[in-house]
Amino acid sequence: MDSLTHLTNNIPWQRLTTAYGRGTDIPQLIETGQYEELSSLIEHQSTLWQTTPWVLMILLQELSKQKPEQVSLQEIQLYTAVASTINVDEMDSQHAVETMNELLDEKYLWPEDEEDDELWWEEEEPRGYDQEAFSSYFSYSYLLLKDAIPVFTAIMEENDKLAPAIQELLLMLQSEGERAVE
């Protein structure tokens, strides 16, 4: 079994939500490189979802193995869509769970059965969307993107077509103070 399959198989996608329901289709979308579809599931109307940090973790691990000329604009646009939702200057004040794996604790996961999903969404605070968990989707997504800056930079230096899009992404990952220094 390759590492991508191993990674995707160890995440309970069917119990994590996206902008349009459960994350059941995400492993197939990752495997087939359907970045636009993935982007619409993990970021919607400036909101990140339970699946977002997990999708980023897998995609960024795979990105680091790609040759710069193999990277698509759609993939970079996915990262930019996520980065555009993050207020970098507020990341330190976020109250996130201690580790990303805690987001897979039973208390955050949705039930196996999808029958009552509409009722779950109507709750004042749906499972996995309390303040701490919700902040964690942003915090861990930001940390994953920030950790990938060397990978983005290497791609930008080798792929002139993607350079403007990656430059925009890198700017989004900087705080106001970092931008002022440049």
C-alpha atoms as a PDB file:
ATOM      1  CA  MET A   1       0.000   0.000   0.000  1.00  0.00           C
ATOM      2  CA  ASP A   2       1.431   3.389  -0.922  1.00  0.00           C
ATOM      3  CA  SER A   3       1.746   6.190   1.610  1.00  0.00           C
ATOM      4  CA  LEU A   4      -1.091   8.239   0.083  1.00  0.00           C
ATOM      5  CA  THR A   5      -3.545   5.358   0.436  1.00  0.00           C
ATOM      6  CA  HIS A   6      -2.314   4.684   3.963  1.00  0.00           C
ATOM      7  CA  LEU A   7      -2.789   8.330   4.950  1.00  0.00           C
ATOM      8  CA  THR A   8      -6.259   8.654   3.477  1.00  0.00           C
ATOM      9  CA  ASN A   9      -7.411   5.316   4.911  1.00  0.00           C
ATOM     10  CA  ASN A  10      -6.527   6.360   8.472  1.00  0.00           C
ATOM     11  CA  ILE A  11      -8.834   9.375   8.518  1.00  0.00           C
ATOM     12  CA  PRO A  12     -12.568   8.806   9.210  1.00  0.00           C
ATOM     13  CA  TRP A  13     -13.693  10.929   6.247  1.00  0.00           C
ATOM     14  CA  GLN A  14     -17.295   9.701   6.489  1.00  0.00           C
ATOM     15  CA  ARG A  15     -17.483  11.181  10.009  1.00  0.00           C
ATOM     16  CA  LEU A  16     -15.992  14.581   9.101  1.00  0.00           C
ATOM     17  CA  THR A  17     -17.957  17.358   7.449  1.00  0.00           C
ATOM     18  CA  THR A  18     -17.299  19.525   4.413  1.00  0.00           C
ATOM     19  CA  ALA A  19     -19.139  22.534   3.060  1.00  0.00           C
ATOM     20  CA  TYR A  20     -21.530  20.140   1.310  1.00  0.00           C
ATOM     21  CA  GLY A  21     -21.953  17.170   3.630  1.00  0.00           C
ATOM     22  CA  ARG A  22     -19.626  14.387   4.665  1.00  0.00           C
ATOM     23  CA  GLY A  23     -16.046  13.920   3.473  1.00  0.00           C
ATOM     24  CA  THR A  24     -16.616  10.429   2.100  1.00  0.00           C
ATOM     25  CA  ASP A  25     -15.508  11.322  -1.459  1.00  0.00           C
ATOM     26  CA  ILE A  26     -12.343  13.132  -0.432  1.00  0.00           C
ATOM     27  CA  PRO A  27      -9.884  10.201  -0.754  1.00  0.00           C
ATOM     28  CA  GLN A  28     -10.976   9.649  -4.368  1.00  0.00           C
ATOM     29  CA  LEU A  29     -10.762  13.380  -5.122  1.00  0.00           C
ATOM     30  CA  ILE A  30      -7.243  13.503  -3.670  1.00  0.00           C
ATOM     31  CA  GLU A  31      -6.190  10.393  -5.575  1.00  0.00           C
ATOM     32  CA  THR A  32      -7.428  11.840  -8.879  1.00  0.00           C
ATOM     33  CA  GLY A  33      -6.125  15.370  -8.268  1.00  0.00           C
ATOM     34  CA  GLN A  34      -9.514  17.106  -8.441  1.00  0.00           C
ATOM     35  CA  TYR A  35      -8.308  20.264  -6.734  1.00  0.00           C
ATOM     36  CA  GLU A  36     -11.199  22.540  -7.693  1.00  0.00           C
ATOM     37  CA  GLU A  37     -13.727  20.101  -6.241  1.00  0.00           C
ATOM     38  CA  LEU A  38     -11.605  19.620  -3.116  1.00  0.00           C
ATOM     39  CA  SER A  39     -11.285  23.365  -2.713  1.00  0.00           C
ATOM     40  CA  SER A  40     -15.054  23.845  -2.757  1.00  0.00           C
ATOM     41  CA  LEU A  41     -15.424  21.190  -0.046  1.00  0.00           C
ATOM     42  CA  ILE A  42     -12.739  22.395   2.361  1.00  0.00           C
ATOM     43  CA  GLU A  43     -13.255  26.154   2.010  1.00  0.00           C
ATOM     44  CA  HIS A  44     -16.579  27.835   1.428  1.00  0.00           C
ATOM     45  CA  GLN A  45     -17.613  31.427   2.119  1.00  0.00           C
ATOM     46  CA  SER A  46     -14.477  32.090   4.173  1.00  0.00           C
ATOM     47  CA  THR A  47     -15.113  29.081   6.379  1.00  0.00           C
ATOM     48  CA  LEU A  48     -12.909  26.044   6.911  1.00  0.00           C
ATOM     49  CA  TRP A  49     -14.408  22.659   7.710  1.00  0.00           C
ATOM     50  CA  GLN A  50     -13.515  19.560   9.704  1.00  0.00           C
ATOM     51  CA  THR A  51     -11.840  18.013   6.670  1.00  0.00           C
ATOM     52  CA  THR A  52      -9.666  21.028   5.823  1.00  0.00           C
ATOM     53  CA  PRO A  53      -6.530  20.377   7.894  1.00  0.00           C
ATOM     54  CA  TRP A  54      -6.542  16.693   6.939  1.00  0.00           C
ATOM     55  CA  VAL A  55      -6.814  17.413   3.223  1.00  0.00           C
ATOM     56  CA  LEU A  56      -4.023  19.976   3.518  1.00  0.00           C
ATOM     57  CA  MET A  57      -1.814  17.561   5.454  1.00  0.00           C
ATOM     58  CA  ILE A  58      -2.096  14.931   2.729  1.00  0.00           C
ATOM     59  CA  LEU A  59      -1.844  17.287  -0.234  1.00  0.00           C
ATOM     60  CA  LEU A  60       1.146  19.144   1.180  1.00  0.00           C
ATOM     61  CA  GLN A  61       2.975  15.880   1.879  1.00  0.00           C
ATOM     62  CA  GLU A  62       2.381  14.857  -1.718  1.00  0.00           C
ATOM     63  CA  LEU A  63       3.309  18.335  -2.988  1.00  0.00           C
ATOM     64  CA  SER A  64       6.750  18.042  -1.421  1.00  0.00           C
ATOM     65  CA  LYS A  65       7.379  14.936  -3.568  1.00  0.00           C
ATOM     66  CA  GLN A  66       6.359  16.541  -6.870  1.00  0.00           C
ATOM     67  CA  LYS A  67       8.641  18.135  -9.402  1.00  0.00           C
ATOM     68  CA  PRO A  68       7.883  21.870  -9.735  1.00  0.00           C
ATOM     69  CA  GLU A  69       6.713  21.483 -13.341  1.00  0.00           C
ATOM     70  CA  GLN A  70       4.166  18.834 -12.262  1.00  0.00           C
ATOM     71  CA  VAL A  71       2.326  21.183  -9.878  1.00  0.00           C
ATOM     72  CA  SER A  72      -0.928  22.597 -11.228  1.00  0.00           C
ATOM     73  CA  LEU A  73      -2.340  26.079 -10.839  1.00  0.00           C
ATOM     74  CA  GLN A  74      -5.550  24.514  -9.462  1.00  0.00           C
ATOM     75  CA  GLU A  75      -3.589  22.993  -6.583  1.00  0.00           C
ATOM     76  CA  ILE A  76      -1.941  26.311  -5.734  1.00  0.00           C
ATOM     77  CA  GLN A  77      -5.379  27.979  -5.947  1.00  0.00           C
ATOM     78  CA  LEU A  78      -6.697  25.466  -3.394  1.00  0.00           C
ATOM     79  CA  TYR A  79      -3.990  26.525  -0.926  1.00  0.00           C
ATOM     80  CA  THR A  80      -4.677  30.185  -1.699  1.00  0.00           C
ATOM     81  CA  ALA A  81      -8.410  29.704  -1.056  1.00  0.00           C
ATOM     82  CA  VAL A  82      -7.664  28.267   2.380  1.00  0.00           C
ATOM     83  CA  ALA A  83      -5.039  30.924   3.167  1.00  0.00           C
ATOM     84  CA  SER A  84      -7.475  33.684   2.209  1.00  0.00           C
ATOM     85  CA  THR A  85      -9.787  32.662   5.074  1.00  0.00           C
ATOM     86  CA  ILE A  86      -7.080  32.865   7.719  1.00  0.00           C
ATOM     87  CA  ASN A  87      -6.393  36.040   9.664  1.00  0.00           C
ATOM     88  CA  VAL A  88      -2.685  35.456  10.235  1.00  0.00           C
ATOM     89  CA  ASP A  89      -2.454  38.223  12.838  1.00  0.00           C
ATOM     90  CA  GLU A  90      -5.032  36.456  15.037  1.00  0.00           C
ATOM     91  CA  MET A  91      -3.489  32.979  14.926  1.00  0.00           C
ATOM     92  CA  ASP A  92      -1.630  33.352  18.232  1.00  0.00           C
ATOM     93  CA  SER A  93      -4.815  34.265  20.058  1.00  0.00           C
ATOM     94  CA  GLN A  94      -6.697  31.216  18.758  1.00  0.00           C
ATOM     95  CA  HIS A  95      -7.554  28.556  21.309  1.00  0.00           C
ATOM     96  CA  ALA A  96      -6.841  25.330  19.466  1.00  0.00           C
ATOM     97  CA  VAL A  97      -6.771  21.756  20.673  1.00  0.00           C
ATOM     98  CA  GLU A  98      -3.309  20.651  21.744  1.00  0.00           C
ATOM     99  CA  THR A  99      -2.661  18.327  18.779  1.00  0.00           C
ATOM    100  CA  MET A 100      -4.285  17.951  15.390  1.00  0.00           C
ATOM    101  CA  ASN A 101      -5.029  14.290  16.134  1.00  0.00           C
ATOM    102  CA  GLU A 102      -7.360  15.403  18.932  1.00  0.00           C
ATOM    103  CA  LEU A 103      -9.700  16.620  16.173  1.00  0.00           C
ATOM    104  CA  LEU A 104     -10.371  12.933  15.478  1.00  0.00           C
ATOM    105  CA  ASP A 105     -11.589  12.297  19.038  1.00  0.00           C
ATOM    106  CA  GLU A 106     -15.065  10.837  19.247  1.00  0.00           C
ATOM    107  CA  LYS A 107     -16.490  14.036  20.758  1.00  0.00           C
ATOM    108  CA  TYR A 108     -15.776  15.899  17.493  1.00  0.00           C
ATOM    109  CA  LEU A 109     -16.737  13.196  15.000  1.00  0.00           C
ATOM    110  CA  TRP A 110     -20.182  12.919  13.500  1.00  0.00           C
ATOM    111  CA  PRO A 111     -22.126   9.662  13.908  1.00  0.00           C
ATOM    112  CA  GLU A 112     -21.576   6.846  11.398  1.00  0.00           C
ATOM    113  CA  ASP A 113     -25.207   7.136  10.309  1.00  0.00           C
ATOM    114  CA  GLU A 114     -25.908  10.199   8.154  1.00  0.00           C
ATOM    115  CA  GLU A 115     -29.683   9.982   8.550  1.00  0.00           C
ATOM    116  CA  ASP A 116     -29.934  12.807  11.114  1.00  0.00           C
ATOM    117  CA  ASP A 117     -27.334  15.155   9.595  1.00  0.00           C
ATOM    118  CA  GLU A 118     -29.880  17.928   8.999  1.00  0.00           C
ATOM    119  CA  LEU A 119     -30.816  17.837  12.688  1.00  0.00           C
ATOM    120  CA  TRP A 120     -27.145  17.929  13.668  1.00  0.00           C
ATOM    121  CA  TRP A 121     -26.593  21.056  11.575  1.00  0.00           C
ATOM    122  CA  GLU A 122     -29.580  22.753  13.205  1.00  0.00           C
ATOM    123  CA  GLU A 123     -28.041  22.450  16.653  1.00  0.00           C
ATOM    124  CA  GLU A 124     -26.712  25.676  18.082  1.00  0.00           C
ATOM    125  CA  GLU A 125     -23.231  24.165  18.128  1.00  0.00           C
ATOM    126  CA  PRO A 126     -22.971  21.116  15.827  1.00  0.00           C
ATOM    127  CA  ARG A 127     -20.542  18.388  16.857  1.00  0.00           C
ATOM    128  CA  GLY A 128     -17.001  19.385  15.941  1.00  0.00           C
ATOM    129  CA  TYR A 129     -17.880  23.069  15.675  1.00  0.00           C
ATOM    130  CA  ASP A 130     -17.453  24.279  19.243  1.00  0.00           C
ATOM    131  CA  GLN A 131     -15.128  27.287  19.466  1.00  0.00           C
ATOM    132  CA  GLU A 132     -12.002  25.290  20.291  1.00  0.00           C
ATOM    133  CA  ALA A 133     -12.444  22.766  17.458  1.00  0.00           C
ATOM    134  CA  PHE A 134     -13.520  25.413  14.947  1.00  0.00           C
ATOM    135  CA  SER A 135     -10.497  27.586  15.786  1.00  0.00           C
ATOM    136  CA  SER A 136      -8.332  24.492  15.414  1.00  0.00           C
ATOM    137  CA  TYR A 137      -9.356  24.013  11.762  1.00  0.00           C
ATOM    138  CA  PHE A 138      -7.946  27.461  11.056  1.00  0.00           C
ATOM    139  CA  SER A 139      -4.888  27.141  13.317  1.00  0.00           C
ATOM    140  CA  TYR A 140      -3.738  23.777  12.013  1.00  0.00           C
ATOM    141  CA  SER A 141      -4.464  24.731   8.408  1.00  0.00           C
ATOM    142  CA  TYR A 142      -2.330  27.828   8.893  1.00  0.00           C
ATOM    143  CA  LEU A 143       0.496  25.846  10.520  1.00  0.00           C
ATOM    144  CA  LEU A 144       0.471  23.284   7.710  1.00  0.00           C
ATOM    145  CA  LEU A 145       0.604  26.006   5.051  1.00  0.00           C
ATOM    146  CA  LYS A 146       3.291  27.918   6.953  1.00  0.00           C
ATOM    147  CA  ASP A 147       5.409  24.754   7.270  1.00  0.00           C
ATOM    148  CA  ALA A 148       5.122  24.301   3.495  1.00  0.00           C
ATOM    149  CA  ILE A 149       6.620  27.726   2.683  1.00  0.00           C
ATOM    150  CA  PRO A 150       9.989  26.183   1.707  1.00  0.00           C
ATOM    151  CA  VAL A 151       8.174  23.816  -0.672  1.00  0.00           C
ATOM    152  CA  PHE A 152       6.135  26.672  -2.172  1.00  0.00           C
ATOM    153  CA  THR A 153       9.286  28.763  -2.536  1.00  0.00           C
ATOM    154  CA  ALA A 154      11.169  25.949  -4.301  1.00  0.00           C
ATOM    155  CA  ILE A 155       8.279  25.463  -6.730  1.00  0.00           C
ATOM    156  CA  MET A 156       8.060  29.206  -7.373  1.00  0.00           C
ATOM    157  CA  GLU A 157      11.784  29.353  -8.183  1.00  0.00           C
ATOM    158  CA  GLU A 158      11.504  26.507 -10.691  1.00  0.00           C
ATOM    159  CA  ASN A 159       8.079  27.123 -12.244  1.00  0.00           C
ATOM    160  CA  ASP A 160       7.672  30.592 -13.752  1.00  0.00           C
ATOM    161  CA  LYS A 161       4.018  29.951 -14.655  1.00  0.00           C
ATOM    162  CA  LEU A 162       3.079  29.436 -11.003  1.00  0.00           C
ATOM    163  CA  ALA A 163       5.346  32.119  -9.562  1.00  0.00           C
ATOM    164  CA  PRO A 164       2.688  34.918  -9.417  1.00  0.00           C
ATOM    165  CA  ALA A 165       0.097  32.650  -7.765  1.00  0.00           C
ATOM    166  CA  ILE A 166       2.622  31.323  -5.257  1.00  0.00           C
ATOM    167  CA  GLN A 167       3.824  34.838  -4.487  1.00  0.00           C
ATOM    168  CA  GLU A 168       0.236  35.811  -3.686  1.00  0.00           C
ATOM    169  CA  LEU A 169      -0.103  32.744  -1.444  1.00  0.00           C
ATOM    170  CA  LEU A 170       3.133  33.512   0.393  1.00  0.00           C
ATOM    171  CA  LEU A 171       1.975  37.076   1.056  1.00  0.00           C
ATOM    172  CA  MET A 172      -1.243  35.765   2.590  1.00  0.00           C
ATOM    173  CA  LEU A 173       0.783  33.636   5.015  1.00  0.00           C
ATOM    174  CA  GLN A 174       2.646  36.660   6.389  1.00  0.00           C
ATOM    175  CA  SER A 175       1.524  38.751   9.324  1.00  0.00           C
ATOM    176  CA  GLU A 176       1.153  42.520   9.031  1.00  0.00           C
ATOM    177  CA  GLY A 177       4.481  42.922  10.805  1.00  0.00           C
ATOM    178  CA  GLU A 178       6.271  40.590   8.389  1.00  0.00           C
ATOM    179  CA  ARG A 179       4.818  42.453   5.403  1.00  0.00           C
ATOM    180  CA  ALA A 180       5.908  45.823   6.825  1.00  0.00           C
ATOM    181  CA  VAL A 181       9.524  44.622   7.094  1.00  0.00           C
ATOM    182  CA  GLU A 182       9.714  43.815   3.361  1.00  0.00           C
END
